[in-house]
Amino acid sequence: MKLSTAVALRVSNILRERKMSQYRLEKIIAMPHNTMKTLMGERNSSVNLKTVMQIIRGLEMTTAEFFDDPIFESEELEID
């Protein structure tokens, strides 16, 4: 699994757990819809750290909390 896919899945899971829409998160962090759509879409081949940090802050989490998930522990996680 690509790192960008893992990040998108993690964001989706958190939003689902919090019963929060992607649109609401976009508004909280003032992120354009197309940027979020690209991040969350399968066509995304990379992930920008600045964008991820913006999302993490919008979710009011620490970086450690966000990355503390088995999805990021896989030896097969592609970080290219």
C-alpha atoms as a PDB file:
ATOM      1  CA  MET A   1       0.000   0.000   0.000  1.00  0.00           C
ATOM      2  CA  LYS A   2       1.237   3.481  -0.828  1.00  0.00           C
ATOM      3  CA  LEU A   3       1.810   5.986   1.960  1.00  0.00           C
ATOM      4  CA  SER A   4      -0.687   8.368   0.343  1.00  0.00           C
ATOM      5  CA  THR A   5      -3.352   5.642   0.439  1.00  0.00           C
ATOM      6  CA  ALA A   6      -2.588   4.905   4.086  1.00  0.00           C
ATOM      7  CA  VAL A   7      -2.941   8.597   4.991  1.00  0.00           C
ATOM      8  CA  ALA A   8      -6.252   8.837   3.120  1.00  0.00           C
ATOM      9  CA  LEU A   9      -7.572   5.725   4.880  1.00  0.00           C
ATOM     10  CA  ARG A  10      -6.497   7.053   8.272  1.00  0.00           C
ATOM     11  CA  VAL A  11      -8.232  10.388   7.660  1.00  0.00           C
ATOM     12  CA  SER A  12     -11.374   8.587   6.466  1.00  0.00           C
ATOM     13  CA  ASN A  13     -11.418   6.366   9.550  1.00  0.00           C
ATOM     14  CA  ILE A  14     -11.006   9.316  11.910  1.00  0.00           C
ATOM     15  CA  LEU A  15     -13.751  11.270  10.164  1.00  0.00           C
ATOM     16  CA  ARG A  16     -16.061   8.252  10.388  1.00  0.00           C
ATOM     17  CA  GLU A  17     -15.261   7.718  14.095  1.00  0.00           C
ATOM     18  CA  ARG A  18     -15.992  11.363  14.832  1.00  0.00           C
ATOM     19  CA  LYS A  19     -19.080  11.455  12.612  1.00  0.00           C
ATOM     20  CA  MET A  20     -17.484  14.360  10.805  1.00  0.00           C
ATOM     21  CA  SER A  21     -17.740  15.106   7.100  1.00  0.00           C
ATOM     22  CA  GLN A  22     -14.811  15.742   4.826  1.00  0.00           C
ATOM     23  CA  TYR A  23     -16.476  19.043   3.938  1.00  0.00           C
ATOM     24  CA  ARG A  24     -16.482  20.105   7.604  1.00  0.00           C
ATOM     25  CA  LEU A  25     -12.774  19.326   7.927  1.00  0.00           C
ATOM     26  CA  GLU A  26     -12.077  21.306   4.752  1.00  0.00           C
ATOM     27  CA  LYS A  27     -13.840  24.318   6.263  1.00  0.00           C
ATOM     28  CA  ILE A  28     -12.043  24.003   9.629  1.00  0.00           C
ATOM     29  CA  ILE A  29      -8.614  24.016   8.007  1.00  0.00           C
ATOM     30  CA  ALA A  30      -9.523  26.305   5.080  1.00  0.00           C
ATOM     31  CA  MET A  31      -8.378  23.730   2.557  1.00  0.00           C
ATOM     32  CA  PRO A  32      -9.670  23.913  -1.002  1.00  0.00           C
ATOM     33  CA  HIS A  33     -11.979  21.040  -1.887  1.00  0.00           C
ATOM     34  CA  ASN A  34      -9.783  20.003  -4.819  1.00  0.00           C
ATOM     35  CA  THR A  35      -6.748  19.630  -2.554  1.00  0.00           C
ATOM     36  CA  MET A  36      -8.653  17.373  -0.166  1.00  0.00           C
ATOM     37  CA  LYS A  37     -10.233  15.480  -3.053  1.00  0.00           C
ATOM     38  CA  THR A  38      -6.773  14.827  -4.523  1.00  0.00           C
ATOM     39  CA  LEU A  39      -5.397  13.661  -1.170  1.00  0.00           C
ATOM     40  CA  MET A  40      -8.326  11.352  -0.540  1.00  0.00           C
ATOM     41  CA  GLY A  41      -8.477  10.016  -4.109  1.00  0.00           C
ATOM     42  CA  GLU A  42      -6.807   6.931  -5.484  1.00  0.00           C
ATOM     43  CA  ARG A  43      -5.114   8.948  -8.218  1.00  0.00           C
ATOM     44  CA  ASN A  44      -2.876  10.588  -5.634  1.00  0.00           C
ATOM     45  CA  SER A  45       0.623   9.103  -5.832  1.00  0.00           C
ATOM     46  CA  SER A  46       2.284  11.169  -3.119  1.00  0.00           C
ATOM     47  CA  VAL A  47       1.435  13.032   0.025  1.00  0.00           C
ATOM     48  CA  ASN A  48       2.619  16.466   1.099  1.00  0.00           C
ATOM     49  CA  LEU A  49       3.738  16.701   4.739  1.00  0.00           C
ATOM     50  CA  LYS A  50       2.444  20.267   5.031  1.00  0.00           C
ATOM     51  CA  THR A  51      -1.034  19.103   3.957  1.00  0.00           C
ATOM     52  CA  VAL A  52      -0.977  16.175   6.383  1.00  0.00           C
ATOM     53  CA  MET A  53       0.071  18.441   9.258  1.00  0.00           C
ATOM     54  CA  GLN A  54      -2.715  20.862   8.395  1.00  0.00           C
ATOM     55  CA  ILE A  55      -5.222  17.992   8.555  1.00  0.00           C
ATOM     56  CA  ILE A  56      -3.793  16.676  11.833  1.00  0.00           C
ATOM     57  CA  ARG A  57      -4.116  20.104  13.441  1.00  0.00           C
ATOM     58  CA  GLY A  58      -7.647  20.477  12.101  1.00  0.00           C
ATOM     59  CA  LEU A  59      -8.523  17.159  13.702  1.00  0.00           C
ATOM     60  CA  GLU A  60      -7.027  18.466  16.963  1.00  0.00           C
ATOM     61  CA  MET A  61      -4.655  15.532  17.229  1.00  0.00           C
ATOM     62  CA  THR A  62      -0.966  15.226  17.819  1.00  0.00           C
ATOM     63  CA  THR A  63       1.221  13.871  15.063  1.00  0.00           C
ATOM     64  CA  ALA A  64       1.917  10.830  17.251  1.00  0.00           C
ATOM     65  CA  GLU A  65      -1.812  10.162  17.699  1.00  0.00           C
ATOM     66  CA  PHE A  66      -2.422  10.358  13.961  1.00  0.00           C
ATOM     67  CA  PHE A  67       0.395   7.976  13.053  1.00  0.00           C
ATOM     68  CA  ASP A  68      -0.298   5.612  15.966  1.00  0.00           C
ATOM     69  CA  ASP A  69      -2.249   3.198  13.802  1.00  0.00           C
ATOM     70  CA  PRO A  70      -1.417  -0.285  12.488  1.00  0.00           C
ATOM     71  CA  ILE A  71      -1.835   0.966   8.912  1.00  0.00           C
ATOM     72  CA  PHE A  72       1.519   2.763   9.225  1.00  0.00           C
ATOM     73  CA  GLU A  73       3.342  -0.218  10.759  1.00  0.00           C
ATOM     74  CA  SER A  74       3.268  -2.506   7.726  1.00  0.00           C
ATOM     75  CA  GLU A  75       6.659  -3.511   6.355  1.00  0.00           C
ATOM     76  CA  GLU A  76       5.070  -3.330   2.911  1.00  0.00           C
ATOM     77  CA  LEU A  77       4.092   0.342   3.179  1.00  0.00           C
ATOM     78  CA  GLU A  78       5.501   2.000   0.040  1.00  0.00           C
ATOM     79  CA  ILE A  79       7.166   5.295   0.922  1.00  0.00           C
ATOM     80  CA  ASP A  80       8.615   6.043  -2.521  1.00  0.00           C
END
